[in-house]
Each structure stands twice: as C-alpha cells, then as structure tokens.
Amino acid sequence: MQTREEVIRFGLSFPDTYQDAPFHDDNWQLVRVRRNRKAFLWTYERNGALCINVKVDPEWRDLWREKYTSVLPGYHQNKEHWNTVILDGTVPDQEIQRMIGESYDLVTS
C-alpha cells in the first residue's frame, strides 16, 4: 500500500465505516466506525512520507515496532495504544492490512 487512496479504500472495505476529515485539514483523513464514531485508521503526510496510525493491542505493540523500523509509537496519539506506520515500502501490504484489521477489531469489540 503506497497511496492514501489504497489505504482509505481498504479501511472503507470494513462494515459500517466512513471517511472523515474532522480537523478542517485535508492532510488528516480518518476512517471511522459509523455506530460508535471511533477512528481506527488515520492517514496523513509527515516529513514527506505517507503515514497511518492504527490502534494496537499493547500486548502486540512492541512486536510490530521491533520487527519494522518504520513502525513507531503513535504520532499525536497515546503511545501505548497506537502505532504509526510509515508507508515507505518496508512493511508488506499483508502486514499493513493485518494491522488495519486488528485496529478495526479493537474499536468494534
């Protein structure tokens, strides 16, 4: 996943989701769950790179951070419960999709 459009399209493939830009800044595009309005996927550009923030179970948080140098503590979010993924091609698409799916599961459970 290299473009914001790909990431958002994948996020919107989950049931009952919608895209939101709550900060009146088009750089920050979120995908939320309609019934509880919780965001599970944040997209933005930072330092010239496309990034996503995903909610993460603290039990697995460090596994992702240790496995990939482009997975960092959540930018502008709780570092215990969110990871930032820099979409620089170093994390395989399947892993990114898995992280997004787990984030969705965490906000809908």
PDB file of N, CA and C in Angstrom:
ATOM      1  N   MET A   1       0.862  -1.173   0.000  1.00  0.00           N
ATOM      2  CA  MET A   1       0.000   0.000   0.000  1.00  0.00           C
ATOM      3  C   MET A   1       0.904   1.230   0.000  1.00  0.00           C
ATOM      4  N   GLN A   2       0.827   1.953  -1.074  1.00  0.00           N
ATOM      5  CA  GLN A   2       1.713   3.098  -1.221  1.00  0.00           C
ATOM      6  C   GLN A   2       0.979   4.425  -1.314  1.00  0.00           C
ATOM      7  N   THR A   3      -0.350   4.396  -1.532  1.00  0.00           N
ATOM      8  CA  THR A   3      -1.086   5.656  -1.663  1.00  0.00           C
ATOM      9  C   THR A   3      -2.165   5.758  -0.595  1.00  0.00           C
ATOM     10  N   ARG A   4      -2.515   6.985  -0.310  1.00  0.00           N
ATOM     11  CA  ARG A   4      -3.589   7.236   0.654  1.00  0.00           C
ATOM     12  C   ARG A   4      -4.897   6.611   0.155  1.00  0.00           C
ATOM     13  N   GLU A   5      -5.133   6.716  -1.146  1.00  0.00           N
ATOM     14  CA  GLU A   5      -6.365   6.172  -1.714  1.00  0.00           C
ATOM     15  C   GLU A   5      -6.464   4.659  -1.470  1.00  0.00           C
ATOM     16  N   GLU A   6      -5.369   3.948  -1.650  1.00  0.00           N
ATOM     17  CA  GLU A   6      -5.368   2.497  -1.401  1.00  0.00           C
ATOM     18  C   GLU A   6      -5.692   2.197   0.059  1.00  0.00           C
ATOM     19  N   VAL A   7      -5.063   2.931   0.950  1.00  0.00           N
ATOM     20  CA  VAL A   7      -5.247   2.703   2.388  1.00  0.00           C
ATOM     21  C   VAL A   7      -6.688   3.001   2.787  1.00  0.00           C
ATOM     22  N   ILE A   8      -7.211   4.135   2.335  1.00  0.00           N
ATOM     23  CA  ILE A   8      -8.583   4.513   2.688  1.00  0.00           C
ATOM     24  C   ILE A   8      -9.577   3.522   2.086  1.00  0.00           C
ATOM     25  N   ARG A   9      -9.360   3.129   0.844  1.00  0.00           N
ATOM     26  CA  ARG A   9     -10.250   2.151   0.203  1.00  0.00           C
ATOM     27  C   ARG A   9     -10.279   0.847   1.015  1.00  0.00           C
ATOM     28  N   PHE A  10      -9.103   0.403   1.476  1.00  0.00           N
ATOM     29  CA  PHE A  10      -9.064  -0.808   2.295  1.00  0.00           C
ATOM     30  C   PHE A  10      -9.814  -0.585   3.608  1.00  0.00           C
ATOM     31  N   GLY A  11      -9.576   0.542   4.263  1.00  0.00           N
ATOM     32  CA  GLY A  11     -10.281   0.837   5.514  1.00  0.00           C
ATOM     33  C   GLY A  11     -11.789   0.874   5.336  1.00  0.00           C
ATOM     34  N   LEU A  12     -12.235   1.418   4.211  1.00  0.00           N
ATOM     35  CA  LEU A  12     -13.674   1.507   3.946  1.00  0.00           C
ATOM     36  C   LEU A  12     -14.284   0.164   3.548  1.00  0.00           C
ATOM     37  N   SER A  13     -13.450  -0.852   3.345  1.00  0.00           N
ATOM     38  CA  SER A  13     -13.980  -2.176   2.999  1.00  0.00           C
ATOM     39  C   SER A  13     -14.540  -2.898   4.226  1.00  0.00           C
ATOM     40  N   PHE A  14     -14.285  -2.383   5.408  1.00  0.00           N
ATOM     41  CA  PHE A  14     -14.826  -2.974   6.626  1.00  0.00           C
ATOM     42  C   PHE A  14     -16.270  -2.500   6.813  1.00  0.00           C
ATOM     43  N   PRO A  15     -17.103  -3.310   7.445  1.00  0.00           N
ATOM     44  CA  PRO A  15     -18.519  -2.951   7.610  1.00  0.00           C
ATOM     45  C   PRO A  15     -18.715  -1.655   8.400  1.00  0.00           C
ATOM     46  N   ASP A  16     -19.719  -0.889   7.969  1.00  0.00           N
ATOM     47  CA  ASP A  16     -20.205   0.261   8.740  1.00  0.00           C
ATOM     48  C   ASP A  16     -19.129   1.323   8.959  1.00  0.00           C
ATOM     49  N   THR A  17     -18.336   1.638   7.934  1.00  0.00           N
ATOM     50  CA  THR A  17     -17.253   2.614   8.067  1.00  0.00           C
ATOM     51  C   THR A  17     -17.487   3.818   7.160  1.00  0.00           C
ATOM     52  N   TYR A  18     -16.826   4.909   7.481  1.00  0.00           N
ATOM     53  CA  TYR A  18     -16.908   6.107   6.651  1.00  0.00           C
ATOM     54  C   TYR A  18     -15.622   6.913   6.807  1.00  0.00           C
ATOM     55  N   GLN A  19     -15.364   7.759   5.834  1.00  0.00           N
ATOM     56  CA  GLN A  19     -14.183   8.628   5.838  1.00  0.00           C
ATOM     57  C   GLN A  19     -14.555   9.956   6.474  1.00  0.00           C
ATOM     58  N   ASP A  20     -13.617  10.544   7.218  1.00  0.00           N
ATOM     59  CA  ASP A  20     -13.867  11.793   7.929  1.00  0.00           C
ATOM     60  C   ASP A  20     -12.607  12.655   7.908  1.00  0.00           C
ATOM     61  N   ALA A  21     -12.817  13.964   7.877  1.00  0.00           N
ATOM     62  CA  ALA A  21     -11.718  14.930   7.982  1.00  0.00           C
ATOM     63  C   ALA A  21     -12.102  15.934   9.069  1.00  0.00           C
ATOM     64  N   PRO A  22     -11.991  15.531  10.332  1.00  0.00           N
ATOM     65  CA  PRO A  22     -12.537  16.333  11.433  1.00  0.00           C
ATOM     66  C   PRO A  22     -11.743  17.580  11.806  1.00  0.00           C
ATOM     67  N   PHE A  23     -10.536  17.720  11.304  1.00  0.00           N
ATOM     68  CA  PHE A  23      -9.684  18.815  11.747  1.00  0.00           C
ATOM     69  C   PHE A  23      -9.646  19.974  10.763  1.00  0.00           C
ATOM     70  N   HIS A  24     -10.516  19.965   9.755  1.00  0.00           N
ATOM     71  CA  HIS A  24     -10.538  21.006   8.727  1.00  0.00           C
ATOM     72  C   HIS A  24      -9.169  21.159   8.077  1.00  0.00           C
ATOM     73  N   ASP A  25      -8.490  20.027   7.946  1.00  0.00           N
ATOM     74  CA  ASP A  25      -7.168  19.968   7.325  1.00  0.00           C
ATOM     75  C   ASP A  25      -7.155  18.696   6.490  1.00  0.00           C
ATOM     76  N   ASP A  26      -7.150  18.841   5.175  1.00  0.00           N
ATOM     77  CA  ASP A  26      -7.239  17.680   4.292  1.00  0.00           C
ATOM     78  C   ASP A  26      -6.084  16.708   4.455  1.00  0.00           C
ATOM     79  N   ASN A  27      -5.007  17.128   5.107  1.00  0.00           N
ATOM     80  CA  ASN A  27      -3.894  16.210   5.337  1.00  0.00           C
ATOM     81  C   ASN A  27      -4.305  15.068   6.258  1.00  0.00           C
ATOM     82  N   TRP A  28      -5.219  15.329   7.165  1.00  0.00           N
ATOM     83  CA  TRP A  28      -5.652  14.320   8.137  1.00  0.00           C
ATOM     84  C   TRP A  28      -6.983  13.727   7.683  1.00  0.00           C
ATOM     85  N   GLN A  29      -6.915  12.488   7.169  1.00  0.00           N
ATOM     86  CA  GLN A  29      -8.107  11.762   6.741  1.00  0.00           C
ATOM     87  C   GLN A  29      -8.234  10.523   7.621  1.00  0.00           C
ATOM     88  N   LEU A  30      -9.397  10.344   8.212  1.00  0.00           N
ATOM     89  CA  LEU A  30      -9.635   9.234   9.123  1.00  0.00           C
ATOM     90  C   LEU A  30     -10.681   8.300   8.550  1.00  0.00           C
ATOM     91  N   VAL A  31     -10.630   7.047   8.963  1.00  0.00           N
ATOM     92  CA  VAL A  31     -11.711   6.106   8.690  1.00  0.00           C
ATOM     93  C   VAL A  31     -12.270   5.712  10.053  1.00  0.00           C
ATOM     94  N   ARG A  32     -13.583   5.881  10.178  1.00  0.00           N
ATOM     95  CA  ARG A  32     -14.275   5.648  11.453  1.00  0.00           C
ATOM     96  C   ARG A  32     -15.342   4.565  11.295  1.00  0.00           C
ATOM     97  N   VAL A  33     -15.762   4.053  12.439  1.00  0.00           N
ATOM     98  CA  VAL A  33     -16.894   3.131  12.501  1.00  0.00           C
ATOM     99  C   VAL A  33     -18.138   3.971  12.756  1.00  0.00           C
ATOM    100  N   ARG A  34     -19.137   3.784  11.937  1.00  0.00           N
ATOM    101  CA  ARG A  34     -20.337   4.619  11.984  1.00  0.00           C
ATOM    102  C   ARG A  34     -21.074   4.539  13.332  1.00  0.00           C
ATOM    103  N   ARG A  35     -21.243   3.332  13.875  1.00  0.00           N
ATOM    104  CA  ARG A  35     -22.114   3.200  15.056  1.00  0.00           C
ATOM    105  C   ARG A  35     -21.520   3.806  16.330  1.00  0.00           C
ATOM    106  N   ASN A  36     -20.188   3.877  16.435  1.00  0.00           N
ATOM    107  CA  ASN A  36     -19.607   4.451  17.650  1.00  0.00           C
ATOM    108  C   ASN A  36     -18.708   5.660  17.357  1.00  0.00           C
ATOM    109  N   ARG A  37     -18.545   5.999  16.082  1.00  0.00           N
ATOM    110  CA  ARG A  37     -17.757   7.143  15.605  1.00  0.00           C
ATOM    111  C   ARG A  37     -16.276   7.050  15.959  1.00  0.00           C
ATOM    112  N   LYS A  38     -15.812   5.884  16.382  1.00  0.00           N
ATOM    113  CA  LYS A  38     -14.406   5.710  16.736  1.00  0.00           C
ATOM    114  C   LYS A  38     -13.561   5.546  15.481  1.00  0.00           C
ATOM    115  N   ALA A  39     -12.431   6.239  15.469  1.00  0.00           N
ATOM    116  CA  ALA A  39     -11.490   6.117  14.356  1.00  0.00           C
ATOM    117  C   ALA A  39     -10.594   4.904  14.593  1.00  0.00           C
ATOM    118  N   PHE A  40     -10.340   4.152  13.533  1.00  0.00           N
ATOM    119  CA  PHE A  40      -9.412   3.032  13.632  1.00  0.00           C
ATOM    120  C   PHE A  40      -8.257   3.176  12.649  1.00  0.00           C
ATOM    121  N   LEU A  41      -8.343   4.170  11.769  1.00  0.00           N
ATOM    122  CA  LEU A  41      -7.308   4.379  10.768  1.00  0.00           C
ATOM    123  C   LEU A  41      -7.159   5.876  10.507  1.00  0.00           C
ATOM    124  N   TRP A  42      -5.974   6.384  10.747  1.00  0.00           N
ATOM    125  CA  TRP A  42      -5.649   7.783  10.478  1.00  0.00           C
ATOM    126  C   TRP A  42      -4.643   7.807   9.337  1.00  0.00           C
ATOM    127  N   THR A  43      -4.805   8.704   8.382  1.00  0.00           N
ATOM    128  CA  THR A  43      -3.822   8.859   7.310  1.00  0.00           C
ATOM    129  C   THR A  43      -3.384  10.317   7.260  1.00  0.00           C
ATOM    130  N   TYR A  44      -2.095  10.513   6.998  1.00  0.00           N
ATOM    131  CA  TYR A  44      -1.543  11.874   6.916  1.00  0.00           C
ATOM    132  C   TYR A  44      -0.147  11.807   6.322  1.00  0.00           C
ATOM    133  N   GLU A  45       0.307  12.948   5.821  1.00  0.00           N
ATOM    134  CA  GLU A  45       1.684  13.051   5.356  1.00  0.00           C
ATOM    135  C   GLU A  45       2.477  13.809   6.405  1.00  0.00           C
ATOM    136  N   ARG A  46       3.683  13.315   6.649  1.00  0.00           N
ATOM    137  CA  ARG A  46       4.569  13.944   7.635  1.00  0.00           C
ATOM    138  C   ARG A  46       6.002  13.777   7.146  1.00  0.00           C
ATOM    139  N   ASN A  47       6.732  14.862   7.123  1.00  0.00           N
ATOM    140  CA  ASN A  47       8.127  14.854   6.665  1.00  0.00           C
ATOM    141  C   ASN A  47       8.262  14.210   5.289  1.00  0.00           C
ATOM    142  N   GLY A  48       7.303  14.483   4.417  1.00  0.00           N
ATOM    143  CA  GLY A  48       7.355  13.986   3.053  1.00  0.00           C
ATOM    144  C   GLY A  48       6.972  12.531   2.871  1.00  0.00           C
ATOM    145  N   ALA A  49       6.478  11.882   3.905  1.00  0.00           N
ATOM    146  CA  ALA A  49       6.102  10.463   3.818  1.00  0.00           C
ATOM    147  C   ALA A  49       4.637  10.282   4.201  1.00  0.00           C
ATOM    148  N   LEU A  50       3.984   9.345   3.544  1.00  0.00           N
ATOM    149  CA  LEU A  50       2.622   8.988   3.910  1.00  0.00           C
ATOM    150  C   LEU A  50       2.671   8.086   5.136  1.00  0.00           C
ATOM    151  N   CYS A  51       1.845   8.386   6.125  1.00  0.00           N
ATOM    152  CA  CYS A  51       1.817   7.624   7.371  1.00  0.00           C
ATOM    153  C   CYS A  51       0.389   7.232   7.702  1.00  0.00           C
ATOM    154  N   ILE A  52       0.269   6.156   8.459  1.00  0.00           N
ATOM    155  CA  ILE A  52      -1.018   5.787   9.028  1.00  0.00           C
ATOM    156  C   ILE A  52      -0.828   5.553  10.515  1.00  0.00           C
ATOM    157  N   ASN A  53      -1.887   5.798  11.258  1.00  0.00           N
ATOM    158  CA  ASN A  53      -1.922   5.436  12.672  1.00  0.00           C
ATOM    159  C   ASN A  53      -3.003   4.376  12.827  1.00  0.00           C
ATOM    160  N   VAL A  54      -2.659   3.322  13.559  1.00  0.00           N
ATOM    161  CA  VAL A  54      -3.603   2.234  13.821  1.00  0.00           C
ATOM    162  C   VAL A  54      -3.600   1.912  15.304  1.00  0.00           C
ATOM    163  N   LYS A  55      -4.788   1.605  15.803  1.00  0.00           N
ATOM    164  CA  LYS A  55      -4.900   1.184  17.200  1.00  0.00           C
ATOM    165  C   LYS A  55      -4.281  -0.197  17.320  1.00  0.00           C
ATOM    166  N   VAL A  56      -3.644  -0.453  18.463  1.00  0.00           N
ATOM    167  CA  VAL A  56      -2.926  -1.716  18.628  1.00  0.00           C
ATOM    168  C   VAL A  56      -3.112  -2.228  20.057  1.00  0.00           C
ATOM    169  N   ASP A  57      -3.219  -3.524  20.174  1.00  0.00           N
ATOM    170  CA  ASP A  57      -3.260  -4.154  21.491  1.00  0.00           C
ATOM    171  C   ASP A  57      -1.869  -3.992  22.100  1.00  0.00           C
ATOM    172  N   PRO A  58      -1.755  -3.422  23.300  1.00  0.00           N
ATOM    173  CA  PRO A  58      -0.430  -3.216  23.900  1.00  0.00           C
ATOM    174  C   PRO A  58       0.414  -4.494  23.958  1.00  0.00           C
ATOM    175  N   GLU A  59      -0.241  -5.647  23.993  1.00  0.00           N
ATOM    176  CA  GLU A  59       0.480  -6.919  24.028  1.00  0.00           C
ATOM    177  C   GLU A  59       1.289  -7.144  22.739  1.00  0.00           C
ATOM    178  N   TRP A  60       0.799  -6.606  21.605  1.00  0.00           N
ATOM    179  CA  TRP A  60       1.446  -6.810  20.311  1.00  0.00           C
ATOM    180  C   TRP A  60       2.185  -5.571  19.822  1.00  0.00           C
ATOM    181  N   ARG A  61       2.004  -4.453  20.486  1.00  0.00           N
ATOM    182  CA  ARG A  61       2.570  -3.169  20.064  1.00  0.00           C
ATOM    183  C   ARG A  61       4.067  -3.251  19.782  1.00  0.00           C
ATOM    184  N   ASP A  62       4.824  -3.779  20.704  1.00  0.00           N
ATOM    185  CA  ASP A  62       6.277  -3.796  20.558  1.00  0.00           C
ATOM    186  C   ASP A  62       6.748  -4.800  19.516  1.00  0.00           C
ATOM    187  N   LEU A  63       5.978  -5.855  19.296  1.00  0.00           N
ATOM    188  CA  LEU A  63       6.322  -6.814  18.253  1.00  0.00           C
ATOM    189  C   LEU A  63       6.427  -6.094  16.907  1.00  0.00           C
ATOM    190  N   TRP A  64       5.426  -5.278  16.579  1.00  0.00           N
ATOM    191  CA  TRP A  64       5.448  -4.541  15.309  1.00  0.00           C
ATOM    192  C   TRP A  64       6.609  -3.551  15.272  1.00  0.00           C
ATOM    193  N   ARG A  65       6.819  -2.860  16.372  1.00  0.00           N
ATOM    194  CA  ARG A  65       7.875  -1.837  16.425  1.00  0.00           C
ATOM    195  C   ARG A  65       9.265  -2.459  16.299  1.00  0.00           C
ATOM    196  N   GLU A  66       9.434  -3.652  16.852  1.00  0.00           N
ATOM    197  CA  GLU A  66      10.737  -4.319  16.777  1.00  0.00           C
ATOM    198  C   GLU A  66      10.963  -4.968  15.411  1.00  0.00           C
ATOM    199  N   LYS A  67       9.900  -5.426  14.793  1.00  0.00           N
ATOM    200  CA  LYS A  67      10.012  -6.120  13.515  1.00  0.00           C
ATOM    201  C   LYS A  67      10.298  -5.165  12.351  1.00  0.00           C
ATOM    202  N   TYR A  68       9.724  -3.954  12.407  1.00  0.00           N
ATOM    203  CA  TYR A  68       9.855  -2.999  11.306  1.00  0.00           C
ATOM    204  C   TYR A  68      10.301  -1.633  11.834  1.00  0.00           C
ATOM    205  N   THR A  69      11.360  -1.094  11.274  1.00  0.00           N
ATOM    206  CA  THR A  69      11.846   0.214  11.713  1.00  0.00           C
ATOM    207  C   THR A  69      10.881   1.341  11.343  1.00  0.00           C
ATOM    208  N   SER A  70       9.981   1.084  10.398  1.00  0.00           N
ATOM    209  CA  SER A  70       9.022   2.117  10.002  1.00  0.00           C
ATOM    210  C   SER A  70       7.720   2.040  10.802  1.00  0.00           C
ATOM    211  N   VAL A  71       7.692   1.229  11.846  1.00  0.00           N
ATOM    212  CA  VAL A  71       6.563   1.208  12.786  1.00  0.00           C
ATOM    213  C   VAL A  71       7.053   1.842  14.082  1.00  0.00           C
ATOM    214  N   LEU A  72       6.384   2.932  14.455  1.00  0.00           N
ATOM    215  CA  LEU A  72       6.811   3.763  15.581  1.00  0.00           C
ATOM    216  C   LEU A  72       5.662   3.963  16.556  1.00  0.00           C
ATOM    217  N   PRO A  73       5.949   4.472  17.743  1.00  0.00           N
ATOM    218  CA  PRO A  73       4.858   4.850  18.643  1.00  0.00           C
ATOM    219  C   PRO A  73       3.945   5.874  17.953  1.00  0.00           C
ATOM    220  N   GLY A  74       2.663   5.807  18.234  1.00  0.00           N
ATOM    221  CA  GLY A  74       1.671   6.639  17.551  1.00  0.00           C
ATOM    222  C   GLY A  74       1.962   8.129  17.620  1.00  0.00           C
ATOM    223  N   TYR A  75       2.078   8.748  16.454  1.00  0.00           N
ATOM    224  CA  TYR A  75       2.301  10.189  16.353  1.00  0.00           C
ATOM    225  C   TYR A  75       1.010  10.913  16.732  1.00  0.00           C
ATOM    226  N   HIS A  76       1.098  11.813  17.689  1.00  0.00           N
ATOM    227  CA  HIS A  76      -0.034  12.608  18.180  1.00  0.00           C
ATOM    228  C   HIS A  76      -1.104  11.768  18.852  1.00  0.00           C
ATOM    229  N   GLN A  77      -0.755  10.559  19.305  1.00  0.00           N
ATOM    230  CA  GLN A  77      -1.741   9.713  19.967  1.00  0.00           C
ATOM    231  C   GLN A  77      -1.081   8.965  21.127  1.00  0.00           C
ATOM    232  N   ASN A  78      -1.895   8.271  21.881  1.00  0.00           N
ATOM    233  CA  ASN A  78      -1.415   7.502  23.015  1.00  0.00           C
ATOM    234  C   ASN A  78      -0.400   6.467  22.531  1.00  0.00           C
ATOM    235  N   LYS A  79       0.816   6.561  23.016  1.00  0.00           N
ATOM    236  CA  LYS A  79       1.910   5.696  22.554  1.00  0.00           C
ATOM    237  C   LYS A  79       1.728   4.242  22.975  1.00  0.00           C
ATOM    238  N   GLU A  80       0.898   4.009  23.974  1.00  0.00           N
ATOM    239  CA  GLU A  80       0.664   2.642  24.439  1.00  0.00           C
ATOM    240  C   GLU A  80      -0.332   1.909  23.547  1.00  0.00           C
ATOM    241  N   HIS A  81      -1.280   2.641  22.972  1.00  0.00           N
ATOM    242  CA  HIS A  81      -2.381   2.012  22.244  1.00  0.00           C
ATOM    243  C   HIS A  81      -2.398   2.291  20.741  1.00  0.00           C
ATOM    244  N   TRP A  82      -1.437   3.069  20.246  1.00  0.00           N
ATOM    245  CA  TRP A  82      -1.427   3.406  18.824  1.00  0.00           C
ATOM    246  C   TRP A  82      -0.015   3.281  18.258  1.00  0.00           C
ATOM    247  N   ASN A  83       0.054   2.790  17.031  1.00  0.00           N
ATOM    248  CA  ASN A  83       1.306   2.757  16.278  1.00  0.00           C
ATOM    249  C   ASN A  83       1.171   3.614  15.034  1.00  0.00           C
ATOM    250  N   THR A  84       2.260   4.235  14.650  1.00  0.00           N
ATOM    251  CA  THR A  84       2.371   4.916  13.368  1.00  0.00           C
ATOM    252  C   THR A  84       3.154   4.003  12.441  1.00  0.00           C
ATOM    253  N   VAL A  85       2.670   3.872  11.208  1.00  0.00           N
ATOM    254  CA  VAL A  85       3.369   3.102  10.187  1.00  0.00           C
ATOM    255  C   VAL A  85       3.714   4.056   9.051  1.00  0.00           C
ATOM    256  N   ILE A  86       5.002   4.196   8.786  1.00  0.00           N
ATOM    257  CA  ILE A  86       5.445   4.999   7.652  1.00  0.00           C
ATOM    258  C   ILE A  86       5.365   4.098   6.431  1.00  0.00           C
ATOM    259  N   LEU A  87       4.590   4.510   5.439  1.00  0.00           N
ATOM    260  CA  LEU A  87       4.379   3.673   4.263  1.00  0.00           C
ATOM    261  C   LEU A  87       5.496   3.915   3.254  1.00  0.00           C
ATOM    262  N   ASP A  88       6.651   3.346   3.559  1.00  0.00           N
ATOM    263  CA  ASP A  88       7.840   3.524   2.720  1.00  0.00           C
ATOM    264  C   ASP A  88       8.196   2.269   1.936  1.00  0.00           C
ATOM    265  N   GLY A  89       7.306   1.273   1.968  1.00  0.00           N
ATOM    266  CA  GLY A  89       7.532   0.038   1.227  1.00  0.00           C
ATOM    267  C   GLY A  89       8.242  -1.052   2.011  1.00  0.00           C
ATOM    268  N   THR A  90       8.638  -0.762   3.253  1.00  0.00           N
ATOM    269  CA  THR A  90       9.369  -1.759   4.031  1.00  0.00           C
ATOM    270  C   THR A  90       8.460  -2.725   4.782  1.00  0.00           C
ATOM    271  N   VAL A  91       7.195  -2.360   4.950  1.00  0.00           N
ATOM    272  CA  VAL A  91       6.233  -3.251   5.601  1.00  0.00           C
ATOM    273  C   VAL A  91       5.354  -3.848   4.502  1.00  0.00           C
ATOM    274  N   PRO A  92       5.303  -5.166   4.394  1.00  0.00           N
ATOM    275  CA  PRO A  92       4.488  -5.790   3.350  1.00  0.00           C
ATOM    276  C   PRO A  92       3.009  -5.413   3.469  1.00  0.00           C
ATOM    277  N   ASP A  93       2.342  -5.339   2.325  1.00  0.00           N
ATOM    278  CA  ASP A  93       0.926  -4.972   2.302  1.00  0.00           C
ATOM    279  C   ASP A  93       0.087  -5.854   3.217  1.00  0.00           C
ATOM    280  N   GLN A  94       0.385  -7.160   3.237  1.00  0.00           N
ATOM    281  CA  GLN A  94      -0.404  -8.073   4.070  1.00  0.00           C
ATOM    282  C   GLN A  94      -0.301  -7.688   5.545  1.00  0.00           C
ATOM    283  N   GLU A  95       0.869  -7.243   5.966  1.00  0.00           N
ATOM    284  CA  GLU A  95       1.061  -6.836   7.366  1.00  0.00           C
ATOM    285  C   GLU A  95       0.315  -5.532   7.656  1.00  0.00           C
ATOM    286  N   ILE A  96       0.349  -4.606   6.715  1.00  0.00           N
ATOM    287  CA  ILE A  96      -0.386  -3.346   6.886  1.00  0.00           C
ATOM    288  C   ILE A  96      -1.880  -3.649   6.982  1.00  0.00           C
ATOM    289  N   GLN A  97      -2.365  -4.497   6.096  1.00  0.00           N
ATOM    290  CA  GLN A  97      -3.780  -4.870   6.133  1.00  0.00           C
ATOM    291  C   GLN A  97      -4.133  -5.557   7.450  1.00  0.00           C
ATOM    292  N   ARG A  98      -3.246  -6.385   7.935  1.00  0.00           N
ATOM    293  CA  ARG A  98      -3.480  -7.063   9.217  1.00  0.00           C
ATOM    294  C   ARG A  98      -3.566  -6.042  10.353  1.00  0.00           C
ATOM    295  N   MET A  99      -2.656  -5.063  10.364  1.00  0.00           N
ATOM    296  CA  MET A  99      -2.681  -4.029  11.407  1.00  0.00           C
ATOM    297  C   MET A  99      -3.974  -3.225  11.352  1.00  0.00           C
ATOM    298  N   ILE A 100      -4.410  -2.863  10.141  1.00  0.00           N
ATOM    299  CA  ILE A 100      -5.654  -2.108   9.989  1.00  0.00           C
ATOM    300  C   ILE A 100      -6.832  -2.959  10.469  1.00  0.00           C
ATOM    301  N   GLY A 101      -6.847  -4.226  10.109  1.00  0.00           N
ATOM    302  CA  GLY A 101      -7.914  -5.125  10.547  1.00  0.00           C
ATOM    303  C   GLY A 101      -7.962  -5.279  12.051  1.00  0.00           C
ATOM    304  N   GLU A 102      -6.809  -5.402  12.667  1.00  0.00           N
ATOM    305  CA  GLU A 102      -6.762  -5.515  14.125  1.00  0.00           C
ATOM    306  C   GLU A 102      -7.229  -4.213  14.785  1.00  0.00           C
ATOM    307  N   SER A 103      -6.881  -3.088  14.193  1.00  0.00           N
ATOM    308  CA  SER A 103      -7.322  -1.805  14.712  1.00  0.00           C
ATOM    309  C   SER A 103      -8.858  -1.707  14.659  1.00  0.00           C
ATOM    310  N   TYR A 104      -9.422  -2.117  13.526  1.00  0.00           N
ATOM    311  CA  TYR A 104     -10.879  -2.134  13.377  1.00  0.00           C
ATOM    312  C   TYR A 104     -11.502  -3.023  14.463  1.00  0.00           C
ATOM    313  N   ASP A 105     -10.947  -4.215  14.645  1.00  0.00           N
ATOM    314  CA  ASP A 105     -11.479  -5.130  15.656  1.00  0.00           C
ATOM    315  C   ASP A 105     -11.433  -4.522  17.055  1.00  0.00           C
ATOM    316  N   LEU A 106     -10.376  -3.792  17.361  1.00  0.00           N
ATOM    317  CA  LEU A 106     -10.240  -3.198  18.694  1.00  0.00           C
ATOM    318  C   LEU A 106     -11.291  -2.123  18.956  1.00  0.00           C
ATOM    319  N   VAL A 107     -11.653  -1.347  17.938  1.00  0.00           N
ATOM    320  CA  VAL A 107     -12.635  -0.284  18.182  1.00  0.00           C
ATOM    321  C   VAL A 107     -14.071  -0.767  18.028  1.00  0.00           C
ATOM    322  N   THR A 108     -14.265  -1.983  17.521  1.00  0.00           N
ATOM    323  CA  THR A 108     -15.628  -2.512  17.386  1.00  0.00           C
ATOM    324  C   THR A 108     -15.956  -3.582  18.412  1.00  0.00           C
ATOM    325  N   SER A 109     -14.970  -4.019  19.178  1.00  0.00           N
ATOM    326  CA  SER A 109     -15.245  -5.097  20.144  1.00  0.00           C
ATOM    327  C   SER A 109     -15.910  -4.555  21.390  1.00  0.00           C
TER     328      SER A 109
END
